[in-house]
Protein backbone atom coordinates (compact mmCIF):
# COMPACT_ATOMS: atom_id res chain seq x y z
CA MET A 1 -4.46 7.73 21.22
CA LEU A 2 -4.17 9.66 17.99
CA THR A 3 -3.36 13.33 18.38
CA GLU A 4 -4.93 15.98 16.17
CA LYS A 5 -3.08 16.55 12.90
CA PRO A 6 -2.70 20.01 11.34
CA TRP A 7 -3.67 18.89 7.83
CA ARG A 8 -5.46 21.65 5.93
CA ALA A 9 -8.31 20.72 3.60
CA GLU A 10 -6.95 22.58 0.58
CA VAL A 11 -3.57 20.85 0.88
CA VAL A 12 -5.18 17.41 1.23
CA ILE A 13 -7.29 18.09 -1.88
CA GLN A 14 -4.19 19.28 -3.73
CA PHE A 15 -2.32 16.10 -2.77
CA ILE A 16 -5.18 13.89 -4.02
CA GLY A 17 -5.48 15.87 -7.25
CA LEU A 18 -1.76 15.70 -8.00
CA GLN A 19 -1.66 12.00 -7.15
CA LEU A 20 -4.54 11.29 -9.54
CA ALA A 21 -2.83 13.38 -12.21
CA CYS A 22 0.34 11.30 -11.85
CA LEU A 23 -1.68 8.09 -12.13
CA CYS A 24 -3.48 9.31 -15.24
CA LEU A 25 -0.23 10.46 -16.84
CA GLY A 26 1.37 7.11 -16.08
CA GLY A 27 -1.60 5.31 -17.63
CA LEU A 28 -1.51 7.48 -20.76
CA VAL A 29 2.23 6.96 -21.24
CA THR A 30 1.86 3.21 -20.70
CA GLY A 31 -0.96 2.99 -23.26
CA LEU A 32 0.99 5.05 -25.79
CA LEU A 33 4.14 2.94 -25.45
CA GLU A 34 2.10 -0.23 -25.75
CA LYS A 35 0.50 1.00 -28.99
CA LEU A 36 3.93 1.96 -30.31
CA GLY A 37 5.00 -1.64 -29.79
CA VAL A 38 7.66 -1.06 -27.15
CA ALA A 39 8.59 -4.56 -25.99
CA ALA A 40 8.60 -3.82 -22.25
CA PHE A 41 5.01 -2.59 -22.45
CA LYS A 42 3.50 -5.45 -24.47
CA VAL A 43 0.90 -7.75 -22.94
CA PRO A 44 1.27 -10.18 -21.17
CA ASP A 45 4.88 -9.49 -20.08
CA GLY A 46 4.53 -5.77 -19.48
CA LEU A 47 7.46 -5.34 -17.11
CA GLY A 48 7.79 -1.71 -18.15
CA ALA A 49 4.10 -1.13 -17.47
CA VAL A 50 4.46 -2.43 -13.92
CA VAL A 51 7.51 -0.25 -13.26
CA LEU A 52 5.81 2.86 -14.64
CA GLY A 53 2.63 2.02 -12.73
CA THR A 54 4.45 1.78 -9.41
CA LEU A 55 6.40 4.96 -10.08
CA SER A 56 3.27 6.92 -11.04
CA PHE A 57 1.56 6.00 -7.76
CA GLN A 58 3.89 5.12 -4.87
CA GLY A 59 6.92 6.72 -6.48
CA ALA A 60 5.13 10.00 -7.13
CA ALA A 61 3.67 9.88 -3.63
CA TRP A 62 7.14 10.26 -2.11
CA GLY A 63 7.59 13.61 -3.85
CA LEU A 64 4.06 14.70 -2.98
CA ILE A 65 4.58 13.76 0.67
CA GLY A 66 7.60 16.06 0.78
CA LEU A 67 5.53 18.90 -0.69
CA PHE A 68 2.62 18.16 1.69
CA LEU A 69 4.83 18.24 4.78
CA TRP A 70 6.64 21.38 3.62
CA GLN A 71 3.31 23.16 3.20
CA HIS A 72 2.47 22.30 6.80
CA GLY A 73 5.89 23.19 8.17
CA THR A 74 6.42 19.61 9.34
CA GLY A 75 9.56 17.52 8.97
CA TRP A 76 9.77 13.89 7.85
CA ARG A 77 11.11 12.67 11.19
CA GLU A 78 8.29 14.32 13.08
CA ALA A 79 5.58 13.13 10.67
CA PHE A 80 6.81 9.52 10.70
CA GLY A 81 7.35 9.26 14.44
CA LEU A 82 11.13 8.97 14.47
CA ARG A 83 11.38 11.42 17.38
CA ASP A 84 8.90 9.52 19.54
CA PRO A 85 10.46 8.78 22.96
CA ARG A 86 8.34 5.59 23.05
CA LEU A 87 9.83 4.37 19.76
CA ALA A 88 11.20 1.07 21.12
CA ARG A 89 7.86 0.16 22.70
CA VAL A 90 5.99 1.18 19.54
CA LEU A 91 8.19 -1.03 17.36
CA GLY A 92 7.79 -3.91 19.81
CA LEU A 93 4.01 -3.67 19.53
CA ALA A 94 4.35 -3.44 15.74
CA ALA A 95 6.41 -6.64 15.68
CA ILE A 96 3.74 -8.54 17.61
CA ALA A 97 0.97 -7.08 15.45
CA ALA A 98 2.85 -8.01 12.27
CA VAL A 99 2.82 -11.72 13.13
CA VAL A 100 -0.83 -11.69 14.20
CA PHE A 101 -2.00 -9.70 11.17
CA LEU A 102 -0.06 -11.95 8.79
CA ILE A 103 -1.70 -15.11 10.16
CA VAL A 104 -5.19 -13.60 10.07
CA VAL A 105 -4.84 -12.10 6.58
CA LEU A 106 -3.36 -15.24 5.04
CA GLY A 107 -6.13 -17.30 6.60
CA LEU A 108 -8.77 -14.95 5.19
CA GLN A 109 -7.10 -15.02 1.77
CA ALA A 110 -7.15 -18.81 1.71
CA ALA A 111 -10.81 -18.79 2.78
CA CYS A 112 -11.75 -16.29 0.05
CA ALA A 113 -9.94 -18.34 -2.59
CA TRP A 114 -11.77 -21.48 -1.40
CA VAL A 115 -15.18 -19.76 -1.49
CA LEU A 116 -14.61 -18.37 -4.99
CA THR A 117 -13.51 -21.81 -6.19
CA ARG A 118 -16.64 -23.40 -4.71
CA LEU A 119 -18.70 -20.78 -6.55
CA GLY A 120 -17.15 -21.88 -9.83
CA GLN A 121 -14.76 -18.99 -10.20
CA HIS A 122 -11.02 -19.30 -10.71
CA PRO A 123 -9.11 -17.09 -8.26
CA VAL A 124 -6.82 -14.73 -10.15
CA GLN A 125 -3.57 -13.41 -8.72
CA GLN A 126 -2.58 -9.77 -8.98
CA GLU A 127 -0.79 -8.94 -12.24
CA ALA A 128 2.41 -7.92 -10.47
CA VAL A 129 2.43 -11.25 -8.61
CA ASP A 130 2.17 -13.22 -11.84
CA LEU A 131 4.98 -11.20 -13.38
CA LEU A 132 7.18 -11.64 -10.35
CA GLU A 133 6.68 -15.41 -10.34
CA ASN A 134 7.14 -15.87 -14.08
CA THR A 135 9.89 -13.39 -14.91
CA HIS A 136 13.46 -14.58 -15.36
CA SER A 137 14.85 -11.09 -14.78
CA VAL A 138 16.77 -10.90 -11.50
CA TRP A 139 16.79 -7.11 -11.75
CA PHE A 140 13.00 -6.96 -12.07
CA ARG A 141 12.57 -9.19 -9.02
CA PHE A 142 15.03 -7.04 -7.11
CA TYR A 143 13.15 -3.89 -8.15
CA LEU A 144 9.71 -5.18 -7.15
CA GLY A 145 11.03 -6.63 -3.92
CA GLY A 146 12.74 -3.41 -2.87
CA PHE A 147 9.75 -1.37 -3.92
CA ALA A 148 7.25 -3.57 -2.05
CA VAL A 149 9.26 -3.70 1.18
CA LEU A 150 10.88 -0.26 1.34
CA LEU A 151 9.06 2.33 -0.76
CA ALA A 152 5.40 1.27 -1.05
CA PRO A 153 4.70 0.88 2.71
CA VAL A 154 5.89 4.42 3.43
CA ALA A 155 3.88 5.96 0.58
CA GLU A 156 0.69 3.99 1.18
CA GLU A 157 0.70 4.31 4.96
CA PHE A 158 1.17 8.05 4.77
CA ILE A 159 -1.68 8.45 2.28
CA PHE A 160 -4.23 6.16 3.93
CA ARG A 161 -3.31 6.19 7.62
CA GLY A 162 -1.21 9.32 8.02
CA MET A 163 -3.25 11.73 5.91
CA LEU A 164 -6.77 10.55 4.99
CA PHE A 165 -7.65 8.79 8.25
CA PRO A 166 -6.97 11.68 10.66
CA PHE A 167 -8.28 14.25 8.19
CA LEU A 168 -11.68 12.55 7.84
CA LYS A 169 -11.82 11.69 11.54
CA GLN A 170 -11.23 15.33 12.50
CA LEU A 171 -13.98 16.38 10.07
CA GLY A 172 -16.41 14.42 12.23
CA LEU A 173 -16.60 11.42 9.88
CA PRO A 174 -15.15 8.57 11.98
CA TRP A 175 -17.00 5.77 10.16
CA LEU A 176 -15.77 7.01 6.80
CA ALA A 177 -12.27 7.41 8.22
CA TRP A 178 -12.15 3.84 9.51
CA PHE A 179 -14.14 1.88 6.94
CA GLY A 180 -14.13 4.09 3.85
CA VAL A 181 -10.36 4.61 3.84
CA SER A 182 -9.74 0.92 4.61
CA GLY A 183 -12.07 -0.08 1.76
CA LEU A 184 -10.26 2.26 -0.63
CA PHE A 185 -6.91 0.76 0.40
CA ALA A 186 -8.19 -2.73 -0.41
CA LEU A 187 -9.86 -1.60 -3.63
CA ILE A 188 -6.75 -0.10 -5.23
CA HIS A 189 -5.14 -3.55 -5.32
CA LEU A 190 -7.79 -4.59 -7.87
CA ASN A 191 -8.15 -8.22 -6.84
CA GLU A 192 -11.28 -10.00 -5.65
CA VAL A 193 -9.39 -12.64 -3.66
CA THR A 194 -7.43 -10.12 -1.62
CA PHE A 195 -10.11 -7.44 -1.17
CA LEU A 196 -11.52 -8.73 2.14
CA PRO A 197 -8.13 -9.74 3.60
CA LEU A 198 -6.62 -6.36 2.71
CA PHE A 199 -9.67 -4.55 4.11
CA VAL A 200 -9.16 -6.35 7.42
CA LEU A 201 -5.42 -5.63 7.27
CA ALA A 202 -6.16 -1.95 6.67
CA LEU A 203 -8.46 -1.84 9.71
CA GLY A 204 -5.71 -3.45 11.77
CA LEU A 205 -3.12 -0.96 10.54
CA THR A 206 -5.51 1.91 11.29
CA TRP A 207 -6.08 0.58 14.81
CA LEU A 208 -2.33 0.32 15.34
CA TYR A 209 -1.77 3.90 14.19
CA HIS A 210 -4.67 5.13 16.32
CA LYS A 211 -3.29 3.34 19.39
CA THR A 212 0.38 4.31 19.02
CA ASP A 213 0.01 7.74 17.36
CA ASN A 214 3.14 6.77 15.43
CA LEU A 215 3.08 6.19 11.67
CA LEU A 216 6.19 4.06 11.86
CA ALA A 217 4.15 1.30 13.53
CA PRO A 218 1.81 0.55 10.56
CA ILE A 219 4.70 1.13 8.14
CA THR A 220 6.71 -1.57 9.92
CA VAL A 221 3.80 -4.03 9.82
CA HIS A 222 3.06 -3.22 6.18
CA ALA A 223 6.70 -3.76 5.21
CA PHE A 224 6.83 -7.07 7.11
CA PHE A 225 3.60 -8.21 5.47
CA ASN A 226 4.90 -7.43 1.98
CA ALA A 227 8.25 -9.06 2.72
CA ALA A 228 6.60 -12.24 4.02
CA ASN A 229 4.38 -12.45 0.93
CA LEU A 230 7.39 -11.86 -1.31
CA VAL A 231 9.31 -14.71 0.31
CA MET A 232 6.32 -17.06 0.02
CA MET A 233 5.88 -16.19 -3.66
CA LEU A 234 9.52 -16.99 -4.39
CA VAL A 235 9.65 -20.15 -2.26
CA LEU A 236 6.15 -21.43 -3.09
CA PRO A 237 5.40 -20.07 -6.59
CA ASN A 238 2.06 -20.43 -8.36
CA THR A 239 0.06 -20.93 -5.18
CA PRO A 240 -3.35 -19.20 -4.86
């Protein structure tokens, strides 16, 4: 079961404020460069916009996580469960969960795409997915792949599972911790087809963290999920 975390309210609020500031700054810079006609920021290609967008959220989060942990006197290895004596068992459970979650989420995604099609709507892929499938730049594919598998899972799992979930739960708001944080995780991906599947995935990742009390477990599943989707996009491009 999840142990109590020492996260202080003022530090959590500071983290959120700085993260939002980084996002806003990234958006302002992207808009300015687009208006100036910089090629990498022009629609619809916008490779530079995607890179700056990822850096202003997940990239900035890495620096903010370091600051957050320093303010609590906690090390990275302790916060991410690397010193857990049950680490082998935790990773074994994560491996099983990764396969199960992937099957369930992909099934839900296919069902959502089918329902939207039946309702007369055309399912739209995420912008980064379209760019990854259509770009001829090997370096851009390498960047997005490395970012999705290595950097994003750590940043996102710390924010949603490692910080917000225990903080809200310890405030006496368990429903908001479970469902509100999971809904926010799904919402930030800005895609109607993947909202429900990612919401269910987020609940599964939260359950895994709550059961193991080790943040490395949901990080492992998240990384596997992103890697599997990346492989499918490259092998089976332009599929809904």
